[in-house]
Amino acid sequence: MRIALVGAGAFGEKHLDGLKNIDGVEIASIISRSAEQAAEVAVRYGAPHSGTDLAEALALRDVDAVILCTPTQMHAEQAIACMNAGKHVQVEIPLSDSWADAEAVVAKAKETGLVCMVGHTRRFNPSHQYVHDRIAAGEFALQQMDVQTYFFRRKNINAKGEARSWTDHLLWHHAAHTIDLFAYQSGKIVTANVMQGPRHPELGIAMDMSVQLKAETGAICTLSLSFNNNGPLGTFFRYIGDSATYIARYDDLVNGNEEPIDLTGVTASNNGIELQDREFVAGIREGREPNSSAAKVLDCYRVIGELAASLEQQDGWS
């Protein structure tokens, strides 16, 4: 299977590192904003083609699928372009920055019959999969999820500390991880509330946000997000259930007493991004809908759309 990677930044390289571990996968093309960067990454990962235009990769007959690690504002349009070109596509989270665009992508996937998957990595991290397996087995019923998503981004930079060409968003991007995961672990979200702090004078976005969710099962979730937090950084999940408490930190898991839980054998790898890419490749090869397909995560964007509309009513901006 030959895959084109679009957006060779910090997160794009995580996908390239994961794809190296999947048998029968080759990198066919690297597309990035800078021709020089695209060419350099192509050499490092053995891709025969590089460039700056998505259309170049879509025109290559030997490209089977595309992974999009591009700015949020491009995701929906580019995902649809990939499917129009007959390519399977995995678009990094978020699927879009509007409810209408999310619906349009899902409609295109249904029309074409191609695999369209979204990078909701939390569904694949061994830590969260361990909890999901306990829930599915009837051994753990989630009562409450408390989540902290904290970064220090008072300048427009990426995960490598490099200048970013676009502005990130706490609600449409970072909250999407938790909103989808909460629904994945507890069921359809039936109630959602949001508040946000003041806008950054230069970035023009809210730097602090609080989200409350309730699922049809009665489980609740409290999510705190900040770009102002000066450490520790990352996302931390506390699962409070009827039989145990779990704390997940990306691919690691401990119980409520901070005792490590052995995740050996839970998944094929201990790398959530690699597992995400394995599912994308498997969905294509097996002709099935993958976990975190655009259709399966669509309801997350319904909730975010409702929250965004609520913020507009509260503050007159989103």
Protein backbone atom coordinates (compact mmCIF):
# COMPACT_ATOMS: atom_id res chain seq x y z
CA MET A 1 0.00 0.00 0.00
CA ARG A 2 1.41 3.35 -1.05
CA ILE A 3 0.52 6.36 1.09
CA ALA A 4 0.99 10.09 0.55
CA LEU A 5 1.62 12.21 3.64
CA VAL A 6 0.44 15.81 3.42
CA GLY A 7 1.78 18.19 6.05
CA ALA A 8 5.27 17.08 7.09
CA GLY A 9 5.36 19.00 10.35
CA ALA A 10 5.71 17.74 13.90
CA PHE A 11 2.66 15.48 13.78
CA GLY A 12 3.22 14.37 10.20
CA GLU A 13 6.55 12.87 11.21
CA LYS A 14 4.85 10.90 14.00
CA HIS A 15 2.71 9.25 11.34
CA LEU A 16 5.73 8.54 9.16
CA ASP A 17 7.49 6.89 12.11
CA GLY A 18 4.41 4.76 12.80
CA LEU A 19 3.96 3.74 9.16
CA LYS A 20 7.53 2.41 9.09
CA ASN A 21 6.40 -0.38 11.43
CA ILE A 22 3.52 -1.60 9.27
CA ASP A 23 4.34 -4.39 6.82
CA GLY A 24 3.66 -3.71 3.18
CA VAL A 25 3.30 0.06 3.52
CA GLU A 26 5.42 2.48 1.49
CA ILE A 27 5.52 6.27 1.52
CA ALA A 28 4.82 7.38 -2.05
CA SER A 29 4.82 11.15 -1.64
CA ILE A 30 5.52 13.92 0.85
CA ILE A 31 3.63 17.18 0.41
CA SER A 32 4.39 20.20 2.59
CA ARG A 33 4.19 23.98 2.57
CA SER A 34 7.93 24.23 1.89
CA ALA A 35 9.38 22.39 -1.11
CA GLU A 36 12.73 22.18 0.66
CA GLN A 37 11.20 20.63 3.78
CA ALA A 38 9.10 18.20 1.72
CA ALA A 39 12.17 17.06 -0.22
CA GLU A 40 14.25 16.62 2.95
CA VAL A 41 11.55 14.54 4.67
CA ALA A 42 11.02 12.51 1.48
CA VAL A 43 14.71 11.56 1.46
CA ARG A 44 14.63 10.54 5.13
CA TYR A 45 11.56 8.32 4.69
CA GLY A 46 12.31 6.97 1.22
CA ALA A 47 9.47 8.66 -0.65
CA PRO A 48 10.09 8.95 -4.42
CA HIS A 49 7.98 12.11 -4.78
CA SER A 50 7.73 15.41 -2.92
CA GLY A 51 6.08 18.73 -3.56
CA THR A 52 3.94 21.55 -2.21
CA ASP A 53 0.56 20.86 -3.87
CA LEU A 54 -1.91 18.18 -2.74
CA ALA A 55 -3.09 17.89 -6.36
CA GLU A 56 0.35 16.55 -7.32
CA ALA A 57 0.01 13.61 -4.95
CA LEU A 58 -3.60 12.97 -5.97
CA ALA A 59 -2.52 12.77 -9.61
CA LEU A 60 -0.07 9.93 -8.86
CA ARG A 61 -1.63 6.67 -9.99
CA ASP A 62 0.30 4.57 -7.50
CA VAL A 63 -1.00 6.49 -4.46
CA ASP A 64 -3.65 4.38 -2.72
CA ALA A 65 -4.31 6.56 0.30
CA VAL A 66 -3.56 9.95 1.83
CA ILE A 67 -2.91 11.06 5.41
CA LEU A 68 -3.67 14.74 5.99
CA CYS A 69 -1.73 16.53 8.75
CA THR A 70 -2.57 19.99 7.51
CA PRO A 71 -4.11 23.06 9.19
CA THR A 72 -7.57 22.50 10.65
CA GLN A 73 -9.19 24.95 8.26
CA MET A 74 -8.16 22.76 5.28
CA HIS A 75 -9.26 19.37 6.59
CA ALA A 76 -12.77 19.04 5.20
CA GLU A 77 -12.00 20.47 1.76
CA GLN A 78 -8.86 18.36 1.37
CA ALA A 79 -10.53 15.16 2.60
CA ILE A 80 -13.27 15.60 0.01
CA ALA A 81 -10.65 16.31 -2.69
CA CYS A 82 -8.87 13.05 -1.83
CA MET A 83 -12.06 11.02 -2.12
CA ASN A 84 -13.01 12.78 -5.36
CA ALA A 85 -9.64 11.56 -6.68
CA GLY A 86 -10.44 7.99 -5.65
CA LYS A 87 -8.05 7.93 -2.67
CA HIS A 88 -8.76 6.59 0.78
CA VAL A 89 -8.05 9.29 3.35
CA GLN A 90 -7.17 9.70 7.00
CA VAL A 91 -7.52 13.27 8.18
CA GLU A 92 -5.95 14.35 11.44
CA ILE A 93 -8.23 15.59 14.19
CA PRO A 94 -10.39 17.63 13.88
CA LEU A 95 -12.45 16.50 10.90
CA SER A 96 -13.51 20.11 10.33
CA ASP A 97 -14.12 23.40 12.07
CA SER A 98 -17.86 23.45 11.35
CA TRP A 99 -20.76 21.01 11.69
CA ALA A 100 -21.82 21.53 8.07
CA ASP A 101 -18.35 20.65 6.77
CA ALA A 102 -18.22 17.52 8.95
CA GLU A 103 -21.54 16.38 7.48
CA ALA A 104 -20.24 17.06 3.96
CA VAL A 105 -17.19 14.84 4.48
CA VAL A 106 -19.30 11.97 5.79
CA ALA A 107 -21.69 12.34 2.86
CA LYS A 108 -18.76 12.13 0.41
CA ALA A 109 -17.41 9.01 2.12
CA LYS A 110 -20.82 7.36 1.85
CA GLU A 111 -21.10 8.39 -1.81
CA THR A 112 -17.67 7.05 -2.81
CA GLY A 113 -17.47 4.01 -0.54
CA LEU A 114 -13.87 4.90 0.30
CA VAL A 115 -12.33 4.67 3.75
CA CYS A 116 -12.42 8.07 5.43
CA MET A 117 -10.96 7.99 8.92
CA VAL A 118 -10.29 10.74 11.45
CA GLY A 119 -7.29 10.83 13.79
CA HIS A 120 -9.12 10.41 17.09
CA THR A 121 -6.03 8.89 18.68
CA ARG A 122 -7.55 8.40 22.13
CA ARG A 123 -9.62 5.51 20.76
CA PHE A 124 -6.35 3.70 20.05
CA ASN A 125 -4.03 4.54 22.97
CA PRO A 126 -3.43 1.30 24.93
CA SER A 127 -4.43 3.09 28.15
CA HIS A 128 -7.89 4.03 26.91
CA GLN A 129 -8.33 0.72 25.08
CA TYR A 130 -7.70 -1.12 28.35
CA VAL A 131 -10.53 0.84 29.98
CA HIS A 132 -12.76 0.30 26.93
CA ASP A 133 -12.19 -3.45 27.12
CA ARG A 134 -13.19 -3.44 30.82
CA ILE A 135 -16.37 -1.52 29.97
CA ALA A 136 -17.23 -3.86 27.09
CA ALA A 137 -16.72 -6.87 29.37
CA GLY A 138 -19.09 -5.43 31.98
CA GLU A 139 -16.29 -5.17 34.53
CA PHE A 140 -16.26 -1.37 34.82
CA ALA A 141 -19.05 1.19 34.50
CA LEU A 142 -17.90 4.75 34.01
CA GLN A 143 -19.48 7.26 36.39
CA GLN A 144 -17.30 10.32 35.85
CA MET A 145 -14.41 11.39 33.63
CA ASP A 146 -12.24 14.34 34.68
CA VAL A 147 -9.84 15.61 32.03
CA GLN A 148 -7.16 18.30 31.95
CA THR A 149 -5.75 19.41 28.58
CA TYR A 150 -2.96 21.85 29.27
CA PHE A 151 -0.41 23.55 27.01
CA PHE A 152 1.71 26.69 27.12
CA ARG A 153 1.10 28.33 23.73
CA ARG A 154 1.03 32.08 24.02
CA LYS A 155 2.71 32.23 20.63
CA ASN A 156 1.64 30.54 17.39
CA ILE A 157 3.97 27.53 17.53
CA ASN A 158 3.66 23.78 16.98
CA ALA A 159 4.66 20.82 19.15
CA LYS A 160 8.30 21.29 18.13
CA GLY A 161 8.28 24.94 19.14
CA GLU A 162 8.38 26.05 15.51
CA ALA A 163 6.33 28.89 14.02
CA ARG A 164 2.90 27.72 12.87
CA SER A 165 1.13 29.03 9.75
CA TRP A 166 -2.34 28.66 11.30
CA THR A 167 -4.05 29.16 14.64
CA ASP A 168 -5.02 26.18 16.78
CA HIS A 169 -8.35 26.02 18.66
CA LEU A 170 -9.17 24.57 22.07
CA LEU A 171 -12.76 23.61 21.21
CA TRP A 172 -12.61 22.31 17.63
CA HIS A 173 -9.27 20.53 18.08
CA HIS A 174 -8.29 19.71 21.64
CA ALA A 175 -11.77 19.31 23.13
CA ALA A 176 -12.66 16.99 20.23
CA HIS A 177 -10.32 14.34 21.63
CA THR A 178 -12.16 14.18 24.95
CA ILE A 179 -15.70 14.69 23.63
CA ASP A 180 -15.33 11.74 21.26
CA LEU A 181 -13.54 9.57 23.84
CA PHE A 182 -16.22 10.23 26.46
CA ALA A 183 -18.92 9.13 24.01
CA TYR A 184 -16.81 6.12 22.98
CA GLN A 185 -16.53 5.03 26.61
CA SER A 186 -19.98 5.95 27.92
CA GLY A 187 -22.51 6.44 25.09
CA LYS A 188 -24.21 9.25 23.22
CA ILE A 189 -23.80 12.72 24.72
CA VAL A 190 -27.16 14.25 25.61
CA THR A 191 -26.15 17.41 27.49
CA ALA A 192 -23.21 19.76 26.89
CA ASN A 193 -22.19 23.11 28.36
CA VAL A 194 -19.19 25.36 27.76
CA MET A 195 -17.55 28.52 29.12
CA GLN A 196 -14.41 30.25 27.90
CA GLY A 197 -12.00 32.89 29.10
CA PRO A 198 -10.81 36.07 27.37
CA ARG A 199 -9.31 36.08 23.91
CA HIS A 200 -5.57 36.38 23.38
CA PRO A 201 -4.89 39.89 22.00
CA GLU A 202 -2.76 38.58 19.11
CA LEU A 203 -3.98 35.03 18.46
CA GLY A 204 -7.65 36.01 18.69
CA ILE A 205 -8.70 32.76 20.40
CA ALA A 206 -9.81 31.82 23.90
CA MET A 207 -6.84 30.56 25.90
CA ASP A 208 -8.91 28.87 28.63
CA MET A 209 -12.08 26.82 28.42
CA SER A 210 -14.31 24.58 30.53
CA VAL A 211 -16.66 21.92 29.11
CA GLN A 212 -19.26 19.80 30.90
CA LEU A 213 -20.85 16.72 29.31
CA LYS A 214 -23.46 14.12 30.24
CA ALA A 215 -24.01 10.81 28.43
CA GLU A 216 -27.22 8.89 27.96
CA THR A 217 -25.91 6.39 30.55
CA GLY A 218 -25.86 9.15 33.18
CA ALA A 219 -22.05 9.39 33.24
CA ILE A 220 -20.62 12.91 33.40
CA CYS A 221 -17.43 14.53 32.17
CA THR A 222 -15.62 17.71 33.20
CA LEU A 223 -12.98 18.99 30.80
CA SER A 224 -10.57 21.84 31.57
CA LEU A 225 -8.46 23.23 28.70
CA SER A 226 -5.75 25.88 28.68
CA PHE A 227 -3.06 27.33 26.44
CA ASN A 228 -1.91 29.43 29.42
CA ASN A 229 -0.71 26.61 31.68
CA ASN A 230 3.04 26.70 32.32
CA GLY A 231 3.47 23.00 33.10
CA PRO A 232 2.99 20.14 33.44
CA LEU A 233 1.87 19.89 29.82
CA GLY A 234 -0.34 17.32 28.11
CA THR A 235 -3.71 15.70 28.64
CA PHE A 236 -4.56 13.72 31.75
CA PHE A 237 -7.68 11.57 32.09
CA ARG A 238 -9.17 10.34 35.36
CA TYR A 239 -11.80 7.61 34.97
CA ILE A 240 -13.98 7.19 38.05
CA GLY A 241 -16.17 4.10 37.92
CA ASP A 242 -18.18 1.72 40.03
CA SER A 243 -15.31 -0.72 40.53
CA ALA A 244 -12.06 1.18 40.02
CA THR A 245 -10.33 4.48 39.29
CA TYR A 246 -7.92 4.80 36.38
CA ILE A 247 -5.61 7.65 35.37
CA ALA A 248 -4.49 7.68 31.74
CA ARG A 249 -1.57 9.72 30.43
CA TYR A 250 -1.48 9.12 26.68
CA ASP A 251 -0.18 5.55 26.29
CA ASP A 252 0.37 4.90 30.03
CA LEU A 253 -2.16 3.90 32.69
CA VAL A 254 -2.15 3.79 36.51
CA ASN A 255 -4.84 3.13 39.09
CA GLY A 256 -6.15 5.70 41.53
CA ASN A 257 -3.17 5.06 43.81
CA GLU A 258 -0.70 5.77 40.98
CA GLU A 259 0.23 2.09 40.70
CA PRO A 260 1.18 1.21 37.08
CA ILE A 261 -1.10 -1.12 35.13
CA ASP A 262 0.60 -3.57 32.79
CA LEU A 263 -0.73 -2.96 29.27
CA THR A 264 1.25 -5.76 27.66
CA GLY A 265 -0.86 -7.53 25.06
CA VAL A 266 -3.67 -4.98 25.08
CA THR A 267 -2.68 -3.75 21.64
CA ALA A 268 -0.09 -4.54 18.95
CA SER A 269 1.99 -1.51 19.89
CA ASN A 270 2.36 0.96 22.72
CA ASN A 271 2.23 3.90 20.28
CA GLY A 272 -1.23 5.39 19.77
CA ILE A 273 -0.36 7.02 16.43
CA GLU A 274 1.03 3.78 15.03
CA LEU A 275 -2.10 1.93 16.20
CA GLN A 276 -4.26 4.57 14.55
CA ASP A 277 -2.37 4.08 11.27
CA ARG A 278 -2.58 0.30 11.59
CA GLU A 279 -6.36 0.59 11.80
CA PHE A 280 -6.45 2.86 8.73
CA VAL A 281 -4.42 0.39 6.67
CA ALA A 282 -6.43 -2.58 7.96
CA GLY A 283 -9.73 -0.89 7.12
CA ILE A 284 -8.58 -0.40 3.53
CA ARG A 285 -7.13 -3.90 3.14
CA GLU A 286 -10.15 -5.61 4.69
CA GLY A 287 -12.75 -3.44 2.98
CA ARG A 288 -14.38 -2.43 6.27
CA GLU A 289 -15.24 0.71 8.19
CA PRO A 290 -12.42 1.46 10.63
CA ASN A 291 -12.74 2.54 14.22
CA SER A 292 -12.88 6.38 14.19
CA SER A 293 -14.25 6.53 10.65
CA ALA A 294 -15.71 9.92 9.82
CA ALA A 295 -19.19 8.47 10.29
CA LYS A 296 -18.37 6.98 13.70
CA VAL A 297 -16.97 10.25 15.08
CA LEU A 298 -19.53 12.52 13.42
CA ASP A 299 -21.64 12.95 16.56
CA CYS A 300 -18.64 14.50 18.31
CA TYR A 301 -18.81 17.37 15.82
CA ARG A 302 -22.54 17.75 16.39
CA VAL A 303 -21.76 18.37 20.06
CA ILE A 304 -18.89 20.76 19.25
CA GLY A 305 -21.11 22.63 16.80
CA GLU A 306 -23.71 23.11 19.51
CA LEU A 307 -21.05 24.29 21.96
CA ALA A 308 -19.63 26.72 19.41
CA ALA A 309 -23.11 28.15 18.83
CA SER A 310 -23.51 28.52 22.59
CA LEU A 311 -20.26 30.50 22.81
CA GLU A 312 -21.44 32.83 20.06
CA GLN A 313 -24.57 33.54 22.07
CA GLN A 314 -22.59 34.04 25.29
CA ASP A 315 -19.82 36.27 24.00
CA GLY A 316 -20.66 37.23 20.45
CA TRP A 317 -17.70 35.29 19.02
CA SER A 318 -16.48 31.70 18.68
